[in-house]
Amino acid sequence: MAVEKAGATGTAAKRGRPPAFDRAAVLAAATRLFWERGYQATSVGELTGAMGIKPGSLYAAFGDKAALFREVVEAYGSSPAGEFVAVALAEEASARAAFARILREAARIYPDPAHPAGCLVISAAVNIAAQDEEVAEFLRGLRAANLRLFEERLADAGRLGELPAGVSPAALARYFGAVLQGMSQRARDGADAAELAATAELALAAWPGP
């Protein structure tokens, strides 16, 4: 738990300046809570308790709960658990190798006990209230962006002859997106790495062509 550091002088505190704290540490605490509970089920009081800061410090440093969540998601996207999809798409020479790596790494990462199960961007979107529709739309946008990346890579694969003629890049992208979302939820429900690895291999067996 991050602990606020005392201000340099009593005068600074009286003027309402936000106390100094380790931003990375408090973001890590907020990330874990949002990841475990989802956006809607996480209250500001629970966040400040986990982060070890006062509500005023949260608002001064991050703006509000929604702004804090956006910063959490941004940081998550740069972490090993959040960036593995983009890294695989960038590094693998063939589309099939990229999607094989994505699915196999998801099978390892999603149930890893070092962090909450599943994917934060998928699990945090559950049961968001109408008044927080902007947050729901933000998460939908991120998932849609991933599908576009999938479709673009698969369209390139079609042009390069990696996929048989007539295969729809959009349909195949949605298929792999659905598999990943299902694997995330199964991890939330307690599935282990072995189960998810088997799911990954079954999904890869559906790859069009030889």
Protein backbone atom coordinates (compact mmCIF):
# COMPACT_ATOMS: atom_id res chain seq x y z
CA MET A 1 0.00 0.00 0.00
CA ALA A 2 1.34 3.44 -0.88
CA VAL A 3 1.63 5.87 1.98
CA GLU A 4 1.44 9.62 1.58
CA LYS A 5 4.58 11.53 2.44
CA ALA A 6 4.27 14.49 4.72
CA GLY A 7 4.56 17.91 3.09
CA ALA A 8 7.73 19.91 3.46
CA THR A 9 6.06 22.48 5.71
CA GLY A 10 2.82 22.87 7.58
CA THR A 11 2.16 26.00 5.55
CA ALA A 12 2.16 24.05 2.30
CA ALA A 13 -0.42 21.61 3.68
CA LYS A 14 -2.65 24.48 4.86
CA ARG A 15 -2.59 26.02 1.42
CA GLY A 16 -4.18 22.85 0.07
CA ARG A 17 -1.27 21.69 -2.03
CA PRO A 18 -1.62 17.95 -2.71
CA PRO A 19 0.79 15.88 -0.62
CA ALA A 20 3.58 14.11 -2.49
CA PHE A 21 3.29 10.37 -3.08
CA ASP A 22 4.71 7.72 -5.35
CA ARG A 23 2.41 8.01 -8.37
CA ALA A 24 3.48 4.64 -9.80
CA ALA A 25 2.74 2.92 -6.49
CA VAL A 26 -0.71 4.41 -6.07
CA LEU A 27 -1.53 3.64 -9.72
CA ALA A 28 -0.48 0.04 -9.15
CA ALA A 29 -2.84 -0.19 -6.16
CA ALA A 30 -5.70 1.33 -8.15
CA THR A 31 -4.99 -0.99 -11.07
CA ARG A 32 -5.25 -4.05 -8.88
CA LEU A 33 -8.56 -2.93 -7.40
CA PHE A 34 -10.15 -2.03 -10.75
CA TRP A 35 -8.84 -5.29 -12.22
CA GLU A 36 -10.26 -7.38 -9.37
CA ARG A 37 -13.66 -5.69 -9.05
CA GLY A 38 -14.35 -3.84 -12.28
CA TYR A 39 -14.99 -0.13 -12.67
CA GLN A 40 -18.53 0.06 -11.33
CA ALA A 41 -17.99 -2.04 -8.21
CA THR A 42 -14.96 -0.03 -7.09
CA SER A 43 -15.78 2.98 -4.93
CA VAL A 44 -13.66 6.07 -4.38
CA GLY A 45 -13.41 5.15 -0.70
CA GLU A 46 -12.05 1.71 -1.56
CA LEU A 47 -9.62 3.25 -4.01
CA THR A 48 -8.22 5.76 -1.57
CA GLY A 49 -7.95 3.07 1.09
CA ALA A 50 -5.99 0.79 -1.23
CA MET A 51 -3.88 3.65 -2.58
CA GLY A 52 -3.08 5.00 0.88
CA ILE A 53 -4.15 8.55 0.02
CA LYS A 54 -7.00 10.87 0.94
CA PRO A 55 -9.94 11.60 -1.38
CA GLY A 56 -8.71 15.17 -1.84
CA SER A 57 -5.35 13.88 -3.00
CA LEU A 58 -7.01 11.58 -5.52
CA TYR A 59 -9.03 14.41 -7.02
CA ALA A 60 -6.06 16.80 -7.00
CA ALA A 61 -3.72 14.31 -8.65
CA PHE A 62 -6.05 12.47 -11.05
CA GLY A 63 -9.21 14.57 -11.47
CA ASP A 64 -11.88 12.01 -10.61
CA LYS A 65 -12.53 8.27 -10.59
CA ALA A 66 -13.05 8.09 -14.35
CA ALA A 67 -9.85 10.02 -15.08
CA LEU A 68 -7.94 7.80 -12.66
CA PHE A 69 -9.32 4.74 -14.43
CA ARG A 70 -8.20 6.04 -17.81
CA GLU A 71 -4.69 6.53 -16.45
CA VAL A 72 -4.78 3.03 -14.95
CA VAL A 73 -5.76 1.57 -18.33
CA GLU A 74 -3.01 3.52 -20.07
CA ALA A 75 -0.43 2.19 -17.61
CA TYR A 76 -1.85 -1.32 -17.93
CA GLY A 77 -1.46 -1.10 -21.70
CA SER A 78 2.27 -0.60 -21.26
CA SER A 79 2.67 -3.51 -18.86
CA PRO A 80 3.53 -7.11 -19.88
CA ALA A 81 -0.05 -8.18 -19.13
CA GLY A 82 -1.51 -5.42 -21.26
CA GLU A 83 0.86 -5.09 -24.21
CA PHE A 84 1.44 -8.71 -25.22
CA VAL A 85 -1.09 -8.59 -28.06
CA ALA A 86 0.45 -5.54 -29.73
CA VAL A 87 3.97 -6.89 -29.20
CA ALA A 88 3.13 -10.21 -30.84
CA LEU A 89 1.52 -8.50 -33.83
CA ALA A 90 4.59 -6.29 -34.24
CA GLU A 91 7.25 -8.93 -33.77
CA GLU A 92 6.00 -12.06 -35.52
CA ALA A 93 6.75 -12.46 -39.21
CA SER A 94 3.53 -14.28 -40.12
CA ALA A 95 -0.05 -13.71 -39.07
CA ARG A 96 -0.46 -17.29 -37.91
CA ALA A 97 2.65 -17.03 -35.73
CA ALA A 98 1.35 -13.76 -34.28
CA PHE A 99 -2.05 -15.17 -33.35
CA ALA A 100 -0.51 -18.38 -32.01
CA ARG A 101 1.72 -16.30 -29.77
CA ILE A 102 -1.18 -14.11 -28.64
CA LEU A 103 -3.37 -17.05 -27.67
CA ARG A 104 -0.60 -18.99 -25.97
CA GLU A 105 0.57 -15.97 -24.02
CA ALA A 106 -3.02 -15.19 -23.00
CA ALA A 107 -3.28 -18.74 -21.66
CA ARG A 108 -0.23 -18.06 -19.50
CA ILE A 109 -0.93 -14.45 -18.50
CA TYR A 110 -4.67 -14.50 -17.77
CA PRO A 111 -4.54 -17.01 -14.88
CA ASP A 112 -1.17 -15.80 -13.49
CA PRO A 113 -1.58 -15.50 -9.68
CA ALA A 114 0.82 -12.55 -9.62
CA HIS A 115 -2.10 -10.32 -10.63
CA PRO A 116 -5.92 -10.49 -10.84
CA ALA A 117 -7.22 -12.99 -13.38
CA GLY A 118 -8.17 -12.17 -16.93
CA CYS A 119 -7.77 -8.94 -18.89
CA LEU A 120 -8.45 -5.64 -17.14
CA VAL A 121 -9.96 -4.03 -20.25
CA ILE A 122 -12.42 -6.92 -20.59
CA SER A 123 -13.30 -7.55 -16.95
CA ALA A 124 -13.56 -3.90 -15.86
CA ALA A 125 -16.41 -3.33 -18.30
CA VAL A 126 -18.92 -5.57 -16.48
CA ASN A 127 -22.13 -3.91 -15.23
CA ILE A 128 -21.16 -0.28 -15.83
CA ALA A 129 -24.06 1.99 -14.90
CA ALA A 130 -25.78 4.30 -17.36
CA GLN A 131 -24.26 7.41 -15.77
CA ASP A 132 -20.81 6.03 -16.56
CA GLU A 133 -21.52 5.35 -20.23
CA GLU A 134 -18.41 7.34 -21.21
CA VAL A 135 -16.27 4.78 -19.40
CA ALA A 136 -18.11 1.90 -21.08
CA GLU A 137 -17.62 3.58 -24.46
CA PHE A 138 -13.92 4.11 -23.69
CA LEU A 139 -13.47 0.38 -23.03
CA ARG A 140 -15.52 -0.61 -26.08
CA GLY A 141 -13.30 1.66 -28.12
CA LEU A 142 -10.17 -0.07 -26.89
CA ARG A 143 -11.56 -3.51 -27.69
CA ALA A 144 -12.71 -2.29 -31.11
CA ALA A 145 -9.23 -0.92 -31.77
CA ASN A 146 -7.77 -4.36 -31.02
CA LEU A 147 -10.17 -5.94 -33.48
CA ARG A 148 -9.12 -3.43 -36.12
CA LEU A 149 -5.48 -4.37 -35.53
CA PHE A 150 -6.44 -8.03 -35.90
CA GLU A 151 -8.36 -7.35 -39.10
CA GLU A 152 -5.55 -5.28 -40.60
CA ARG A 153 -2.99 -7.98 -39.89
CA LEU A 154 -5.27 -10.66 -41.34
CA ALA A 155 -6.03 -8.55 -44.41
CA ASP A 156 -2.27 -8.23 -44.97
CA ALA A 157 -2.00 -12.00 -44.56
CA GLY A 158 -4.63 -12.48 -47.26
CA ARG A 159 -2.76 -10.22 -49.66
CA LEU A 160 0.47 -12.11 -48.96
CA GLY A 161 -1.16 -15.48 -49.61
CA GLU A 162 -1.05 -16.61 -45.97
CA LEU A 163 -4.81 -17.15 -46.01
CA PRO A 164 -6.91 -18.95 -48.61
CA ALA A 165 -8.94 -16.84 -51.01
CA GLY A 166 -12.40 -16.05 -49.71
CA VAL A 167 -11.47 -15.94 -46.00
CA SER A 168 -12.97 -12.87 -44.36
CA PRO A 169 -10.33 -10.97 -42.30
CA ALA A 170 -13.13 -9.25 -40.36
CA ALA A 171 -14.84 -12.53 -39.42
CA LEU A 172 -11.56 -14.16 -38.44
CA ALA A 173 -10.58 -11.10 -36.37
CA ARG A 174 -13.90 -11.25 -34.51
CA TYR A 175 -13.43 -14.97 -33.93
CA PHE A 176 -10.04 -14.53 -32.28
CA GLY A 177 -11.36 -11.54 -30.32
CA ALA A 178 -14.21 -13.68 -28.99
CA VAL A 179 -11.80 -16.47 -28.05
CA LEU A 180 -9.63 -14.05 -26.09
CA GLN A 181 -12.63 -12.58 -24.28
CA GLY A 182 -13.83 -16.08 -23.42
CA MET A 183 -10.39 -17.07 -22.15
CA SER A 184 -10.32 -13.96 -19.96
CA GLN A 185 -13.68 -14.84 -18.43
CA ARG A 186 -12.71 -18.47 -17.92
CA ALA A 187 -9.61 -17.28 -16.06
CA ARG A 188 -11.86 -15.10 -13.88
CA ASP A 189 -13.93 -18.22 -13.18
CA GLY A 190 -10.87 -20.14 -12.05
CA ALA A 191 -9.56 -21.83 -15.20
CA ASP A 192 -5.88 -22.65 -14.97
CA ALA A 193 -3.12 -22.25 -17.56
CA ALA A 194 -3.48 -25.84 -18.77
CA GLU A 195 -7.18 -25.42 -19.57
CA LEU A 196 -6.60 -22.12 -21.33
CA ALA A 197 -3.67 -23.54 -23.29
CA ALA A 198 -5.95 -26.31 -24.55
CA THR A 199 -8.50 -23.69 -25.60
CA ALA A 200 -5.78 -21.77 -27.41
CA GLU A 201 -4.70 -24.84 -29.37
CA LEU A 202 -8.29 -25.66 -30.36
CA ALA A 203 -8.75 -22.11 -31.60
CA LEU A 204 -5.55 -22.30 -33.62
CA ALA A 205 -6.75 -25.56 -35.18
CA ALA A 206 -9.50 -23.48 -36.81
CA TRP A 207 -6.94 -21.40 -38.71
CA PRO A 208 -8.00 -21.50 -42.39
CA GLY A 209 -5.90 -23.51 -44.78
CA PRO A 210 -3.14 -26.08 -44.21
